[in-house]
Each structure stands twice: as structure tokens, then as C-alpha cells.
Amino acid sequence: MRLTTKGRFAVTAMLDLALREANGPVTLAGISERQSISLSYLEQLFGKLRRAELVDSVRGPGGGYTLARDVATISVSDIIRAVDEPVDATQCGGRENCHGNNRCMTHDLWTRLNATIYDYLSEVSLANLVDEQRAKENTVIQDKREASVARAPRNRVAPTA
């Protein structure tokens, strides 16, 4: 399957945006720093995401990007399609010419896999990813609290005679 870094980075950046936009527009510089994605690469991706009407840009001081639609209505497949990322397991890119100039024997298998992947990515919304990420963050916070309590010295009261 050929899902390159373009699609992966676009989904990661959109998730970062969705997690933080409640505080106002999110800058690409902030996403770049948090996700270790080149700022110039993000600019290219967000240009495509804006043209696909998945994000809106806000100019000026305090500017950045916000989601153009409700987080629940944006699917992972919408994001990947917006950045022109093919999800294709076929060797021929669907042209049916991978065996010389003919269709290979397993073309239908890979085509069905493509459809299954696309269907799955269409069912996963950005809201699903936000919920999963927040649940993970809450688990980490809870684990740290429990570890801190376990390490804390306990006040012992000396018995009185």
C-alpha cells in the first residue's frame, strides 16, 4: 500500500489542529514544532486542505488555522484525498497494466483491498481521533498522579505511650 508521509502528516497536523483550536486559531509554526513536520511542508499541505474546504485561515496577529467544518464531519479519507494522496495497493495504480500491458491475476484482490481501506478511513472521523487522543492523554495524566502518590512519603504518627 502506498500511503506516503504526505497523507500521514496531513492527518497528524489536522488532529493537532482539532485538539487545539478551542483556544483560537492554531499556527503552522506551532504544529511544526509539536509534530516535527517541516513548516514549508505544512504550508503546502494546508494550502491543499484549505482548497478542499477542510480548514480556514485567519490572517493577522493571533491568526492561524481553524477547522472549516465540524470535527465530526471530517473523515480521515477526506484529509487524505484533499492532499492528493492515493490509497492504492495495486502495483499499476488501477490502470490494469502491471503484467506487461495486461491486468495481473491478483488485480481484483488489491482493488478490493483498496475499497476496504477507503471504506475504513471514511468511517473514522477526526472527532474519533480527537477522542482517542484525549483518552490517552488522560490515562497518562492519571498514571503520573498515581505514581506520584505512590512515591510520596507518608506522614507517620508516632504512637503515644
C-alpha atoms as a PDB file:
ATOM      1  CA  MET A   1       0.000   0.000   0.000  1.00  0.00           C
ATOM      2  CA  ARG A   2       1.318   3.422  -0.860  1.00  0.00           C
ATOM      3  CA  LEU A   3       0.249   5.834   1.822  1.00  0.00           C
ATOM      4  CA  THR A   4       3.188   8.195   1.990  1.00  0.00           C
ATOM      5  CA  THR A   5       4.214  10.730   4.589  1.00  0.00           C
ATOM      6  CA  LYS A   6       2.045  13.318   2.831  1.00  0.00           C
ATOM      7  CA  GLY A   7      -1.159  11.601   3.960  1.00  0.00           C
ATOM      8  CA  ARG A   8       0.219  10.690   7.379  1.00  0.00           C
ATOM      9  CA  PHE A   9       1.464  14.227   8.050  1.00  0.00           C
ATOM     10  CA  ALA A  10      -1.821  15.749   6.874  1.00  0.00           C
ATOM     11  CA  VAL A  11      -3.832  13.578   9.279  1.00  0.00           C
ATOM     12  CA  THR A  12      -1.389  14.283  12.128  1.00  0.00           C
ATOM     13  CA  ALA A  13      -1.499  18.041  11.504  1.00  0.00           C
ATOM     14  CA  MET A  14      -5.297  18.060  11.307  1.00  0.00           C
ATOM     15  CA  LEU A  15      -5.501  16.134  14.579  1.00  0.00           C
ATOM     16  CA  ASP A  16      -3.133  18.617  16.223  1.00  0.00           C
ATOM     17  CA  LEU A  17      -5.310  21.476  14.926  1.00  0.00           C
ATOM     18  CA  ALA A  18      -8.523  19.828  16.126  1.00  0.00           C
ATOM     19  CA  LEU A  19      -7.076  19.265  19.610  1.00  0.00           C
ATOM     20  CA  ARG A  20      -6.043  22.921  19.995  1.00  0.00           C
ATOM     21  CA  GLU A  21      -8.446  25.107  18.027  1.00  0.00           C
ATOM     22  CA  ALA A  22     -10.771  25.689  21.014  1.00  0.00           C
ATOM     23  CA  ASN A  23      -8.170  28.240  22.169  1.00  0.00           C
ATOM     24  CA  GLY A  24      -8.292  30.114  18.862  1.00  0.00           C
ATOM     25  CA  PRO A  25      -6.533  29.774  15.519  1.00  0.00           C
ATOM     26  CA  VAL A  26      -3.562  27.396  15.533  1.00  0.00           C
ATOM     27  CA  THR A  27      -0.311  28.414  13.864  1.00  0.00           C
ATOM     28  CA  LEU A  28       1.548  26.170  11.471  1.00  0.00           C
ATOM     29  CA  ALA A  29       4.737  27.023  13.368  1.00  0.00           C
ATOM     30  CA  GLY A  30       3.173  25.517  16.497  1.00  0.00           C
ATOM     31  CA  ILE A  31       2.097  22.366  14.664  1.00  0.00           C
ATOM     32  CA  SER A  32       5.547  22.165  13.068  1.00  0.00           C
ATOM     33  CA  GLU A  33       7.267  22.325  16.444  1.00  0.00           C
ATOM     34  CA  ARG A  34       4.932  19.884  18.222  1.00  0.00           C
ATOM     35  CA  GLN A  35       4.822  17.310  15.421  1.00  0.00           C
ATOM     36  CA  SER A  36       8.339  17.709  13.957  1.00  0.00           C
ATOM     37  CA  ILE A  37       6.989  18.441  10.486  1.00  0.00           C
ATOM     38  CA  SER A  38       8.735  20.982   8.269  1.00  0.00           C
ATOM     39  CA  LEU A  39       6.958  24.342   8.242  1.00  0.00           C
ATOM     40  CA  SER A  40       7.270  24.656   4.453  1.00  0.00           C
ATOM     41  CA  TYR A  41       5.771  21.170   4.042  1.00  0.00           C
ATOM     42  CA  LEU A  42       2.864  22.118   6.323  1.00  0.00           C
ATOM     43  CA  GLU A  43       2.284  25.268   4.262  1.00  0.00           C
ATOM     44  CA  GLN A  44       1.923  23.112   1.151  1.00  0.00           C
ATOM     45  CA  LEU A  45      -0.424  20.673   2.889  1.00  0.00           C
ATOM     46  CA  PHE A  46      -2.579  23.386   4.419  1.00  0.00           C
ATOM     47  CA  GLY A  47      -2.910  25.107   1.055  1.00  0.00           C
ATOM     48  CA  LYS A  48      -4.488  21.910  -0.249  1.00  0.00           C
ATOM     49  CA  LEU A  49      -6.585  21.431   2.894  1.00  0.00           C
ATOM     50  CA  ARG A  50      -7.880  24.994   2.542  1.00  0.00           C
ATOM     51  CA  ARG A  51      -8.775  24.481  -1.127  1.00  0.00           C
ATOM     52  CA  ALA A  52     -10.664  21.323  -0.090  1.00  0.00           C
ATOM     53  CA  GLU A  53     -12.528  23.480   2.464  1.00  0.00           C
ATOM     54  CA  LEU A  54     -11.345  21.454   5.443  1.00  0.00           C
ATOM     55  CA  VAL A  55      -9.579  24.391   7.100  1.00  0.00           C
ATOM     56  CA  ASP A  56      -9.955  28.156   7.161  1.00  0.00           C
ATOM     57  CA  SER A  57      -7.073  30.585   7.512  1.00  0.00           C
ATOM     58  CA  VAL A  58      -7.211  33.577   9.840  1.00  0.00           C
ATOM     59  CA  ARG A  59      -4.830  36.417   8.975  1.00  0.00           C
ATOM     60  CA  GLY A  60      -3.190  38.928  11.237  1.00  0.00           C
ATOM     61  CA  PRO A  61      -1.993  38.883  14.831  1.00  0.00           C
ATOM     62  CA  GLY A  62      -3.360  35.839  16.596  1.00  0.00           C
ATOM     63  CA  GLY A  63      -4.003  34.265  13.197  1.00  0.00           C
ATOM     64  CA  GLY A  64      -3.531  30.719  12.099  1.00  0.00           C
ATOM     65  CA  TYR A  65      -5.872  27.944  11.040  1.00  0.00           C
ATOM     66  CA  THR A  66      -9.202  26.619  12.247  1.00  0.00           C
ATOM     67  CA  LEU A  67     -11.329  23.745  11.027  1.00  0.00           C
ATOM     68  CA  ALA A  68     -13.781  24.790   8.312  1.00  0.00           C
ATOM     69  CA  ARG A  69     -16.271  22.085   9.282  1.00  0.00           C
ATOM     70  CA  ASP A  70     -17.361  20.357  12.443  1.00  0.00           C
ATOM     71  CA  VAL A  71     -14.735  17.862  13.595  1.00  0.00           C
ATOM     72  CA  ALA A  72     -17.292  15.018  13.413  1.00  0.00           C
ATOM     73  CA  THR A  73     -17.917  15.638   9.692  1.00  0.00           C
ATOM     74  CA  ILE A  74     -14.287  15.389   8.583  1.00  0.00           C
ATOM     75  CA  SER A  75     -13.155  11.846   7.833  1.00  0.00           C
ATOM     76  CA  VAL A  76      -9.594  10.608   7.533  1.00  0.00           C
ATOM     77  CA  SER A  77     -10.331   9.803   3.887  1.00  0.00           C
ATOM     78  CA  ASP A  78     -11.389  13.455   3.336  1.00  0.00           C
ATOM     79  CA  ILE A  79      -7.997  14.593   4.613  1.00  0.00           C
ATOM     80  CA  ILE A  80      -6.010  12.089   2.571  1.00  0.00           C
ATOM     81  CA  ARG A  81      -7.994  12.835  -0.581  1.00  0.00           C
ATOM     82  CA  ALA A  82      -7.520  16.599  -0.042  1.00  0.00           C
ATOM     83  CA  VAL A  83      -3.734  16.287  -0.198  1.00  0.00           C
ATOM     84  CA  ASP A  84      -3.938  14.120  -3.338  1.00  0.00           C
ATOM     85  CA  GLU A  85      -2.699  11.051  -1.554  1.00  0.00           C
ATOM     86  CA  PRO A  86      -3.687   7.833  -3.337  1.00  0.00           C
ATOM     87  CA  VAL A  87      -4.594   4.878  -1.177  1.00  0.00           C
ATOM     88  CA  ASP A  88      -3.745   2.172  -3.645  1.00  0.00           C
ATOM     89  CA  ALA A  89      -2.454  -1.342  -3.063  1.00  0.00           C
ATOM     90  CA  THR A  90      -2.316  -2.181  -6.765  1.00  0.00           C
ATOM     91  CA  GLN A  91       1.037  -2.193  -8.471  1.00  0.00           C
ATOM     92  CA  CYS A  92      -0.404  -0.471 -11.532  1.00  0.00           C
ATOM     93  CA  GLY A  93      -2.258   2.406  -9.871  1.00  0.00           C
ATOM     94  CA  GLY A  94      -5.551   0.968 -11.104  1.00  0.00           C
ATOM     95  CA  ARG A  95      -4.532   1.129 -14.771  1.00  0.00           C
ATOM     96  CA  GLU A  96      -4.608  -2.678 -15.122  1.00  0.00           C
ATOM     97  CA  ASN A  97      -1.242  -2.782 -16.900  1.00  0.00           C
ATOM     98  CA  CYS A  98       1.007  -4.238 -14.197  1.00  0.00           C
ATOM     99  CA  HIS A  99       1.695  -7.533 -16.023  1.00  0.00           C
ATOM    100  CA  GLY A 100       3.283  -6.280 -19.165  1.00  0.00           C
ATOM    101  CA  ASN A 101       0.443  -4.307 -20.658  1.00  0.00           C
ATOM    102  CA  ASN A 102      -2.153  -6.630 -19.173  1.00  0.00           C
ATOM    103  CA  ARG A 103      -4.023  -6.986 -15.937  1.00  0.00           C
ATOM    104  CA  CYS A 104      -2.282  -9.139 -13.324  1.00  0.00           C
ATOM    105  CA  MET A 105      -4.029 -12.166 -11.812  1.00  0.00           C
ATOM    106  CA  THR A 106      -4.354 -10.522  -8.389  1.00  0.00           C
ATOM    107  CA  HIS A 107      -5.657  -7.145  -9.574  1.00  0.00           C
ATOM    108  CA  ASP A 108      -9.164  -7.741  -8.168  1.00  0.00           C
ATOM    109  CA  LEU A 109      -7.726  -8.716  -4.772  1.00  0.00           C
ATOM    110  CA  TRP A 110      -5.789  -5.448  -4.488  1.00  0.00           C
ATOM    111  CA  THR A 111      -8.711  -3.428  -5.816  1.00  0.00           C
ATOM    112  CA  ARG A 112     -10.996  -4.906  -3.124  1.00  0.00           C
ATOM    113  CA  LEU A 113      -8.322  -4.145  -0.506  1.00  0.00           C
ATOM    114  CA  ASN A 114      -8.285  -0.527  -1.725  1.00  0.00           C
ATOM    115  CA  ALA A 115     -12.060  -0.332  -1.315  1.00  0.00           C
ATOM    116  CA  THR A 116     -11.868  -1.831   2.187  1.00  0.00           C
ATOM    117  CA  ILE A 117      -9.169   0.619   3.263  1.00  0.00           C
ATOM    118  CA  TYR A 118     -11.052   3.556   1.787  1.00  0.00           C
ATOM    119  CA  ASP A 119     -14.288   2.452   3.490  1.00  0.00           C
ATOM    120  CA  TYR A 120     -12.474   2.155   6.824  1.00  0.00           C
ATOM    121  CA  LEU A 121     -10.809   5.578   6.511  1.00  0.00           C
ATOM    122  CA  SER A 122     -14.165   7.082   5.544  1.00  0.00           C
ATOM    123  CA  GLU A 123     -15.708   5.754   8.759  1.00  0.00           C
ATOM    124  CA  VAL A 124     -13.027   7.249  11.011  1.00  0.00           C
ATOM    125  CA  SER A 125     -13.754  10.886  11.761  1.00  0.00           C
ATOM    126  CA  LEU A 126     -11.385  13.493  13.076  1.00  0.00           C
ATOM    127  CA  ALA A 127     -13.663  13.544  16.160  1.00  0.00           C
ATOM    128  CA  ASN A 128     -12.876   9.839  16.709  1.00  0.00           C
ATOM    129  CA  LEU A 129      -9.149  10.580  16.628  1.00  0.00           C
ATOM    130  CA  VAL A 130      -9.564  13.553  18.989  1.00  0.00           C
ATOM    131  CA  ASP A 131     -11.500  11.394  21.471  1.00  0.00           C
ATOM    132  CA  GLU A 132      -8.856   8.640  21.308  1.00  0.00           C
ATOM    133  CA  GLN A 133      -6.012  11.113  21.805  1.00  0.00           C
ATOM    134  CA  ARG A 134      -7.688  12.817  24.751  1.00  0.00           C
ATOM    135  CA  ALA A 135      -8.391   9.439  26.368  1.00  0.00           C
ATOM    136  CA  LYS A 136      -4.702   8.521  26.002  1.00  0.00           C
ATOM    137  CA  GLU A 137      -3.617  11.872  27.463  1.00  0.00           C
ATOM    138  CA  ASN A 138      -5.992  11.422  30.416  1.00  0.00           C
ATOM    139  CA  THR A 139      -4.613   7.935  31.042  1.00  0.00           C
ATOM    140  CA  VAL A 140      -1.041   9.275  31.059  1.00  0.00           C
ATOM    141  CA  ILE A 141      -2.025  12.062  33.487  1.00  0.00           C
ATOM    142  CA  GLN A 142      -3.787   9.581  35.761  1.00  0.00           C
ATOM    143  CA  ASP A 143      -0.808   7.205  35.678  1.00  0.00           C
ATOM    144  CA  LYS A 144       1.543  10.060  36.632  1.00  0.00           C
ATOM    145  CA  ARG A 145      -0.708  11.056  39.541  1.00  0.00           C
ATOM    146  CA  GLU A 146      -0.852   7.503  40.825  1.00  0.00           C
ATOM    147  CA  ALA A 147       2.930   7.135  40.532  1.00  0.00           C
ATOM    148  CA  SER A 148       3.435  10.441  42.344  1.00  0.00           C
ATOM    149  CA  VAL A 149       1.143   9.365  45.187  1.00  0.00           C
ATOM    150  CA  ALA A 150       2.932   6.027  45.457  1.00  0.00           C
ATOM    151  CA  ARG A 151       6.339   7.763  45.752  1.00  0.00           C
ATOM    152  CA  ALA A 152       5.213  10.432  48.224  1.00  0.00           C
ATOM    153  CA  PRO A 153       6.436   9.935  51.784  1.00  0.00           C
ATOM    154  CA  ARG A 154       3.674   9.127  54.162  1.00  0.00           C
ATOM    155  CA  ASN A 155       3.251  11.048  57.374  1.00  0.00           C
ATOM    156  CA  ARG A 156       3.593   8.618  60.195  1.00  0.00           C
ATOM    157  CA  VAL A 157       2.241   9.418  63.550  1.00  0.00           C
ATOM    158  CA  ALA A 158       4.377   8.159  66.388  1.00  0.00           C
ATOM    159  CA  PRO A 159       2.454   6.098  68.888  1.00  0.00           C
ATOM    160  CA  THR A 160       1.878   7.796  72.223  1.00  0.00           C
ATOM    161  CA  ALA A 161       2.703   5.993  75.443  1.00  0.00           C
END
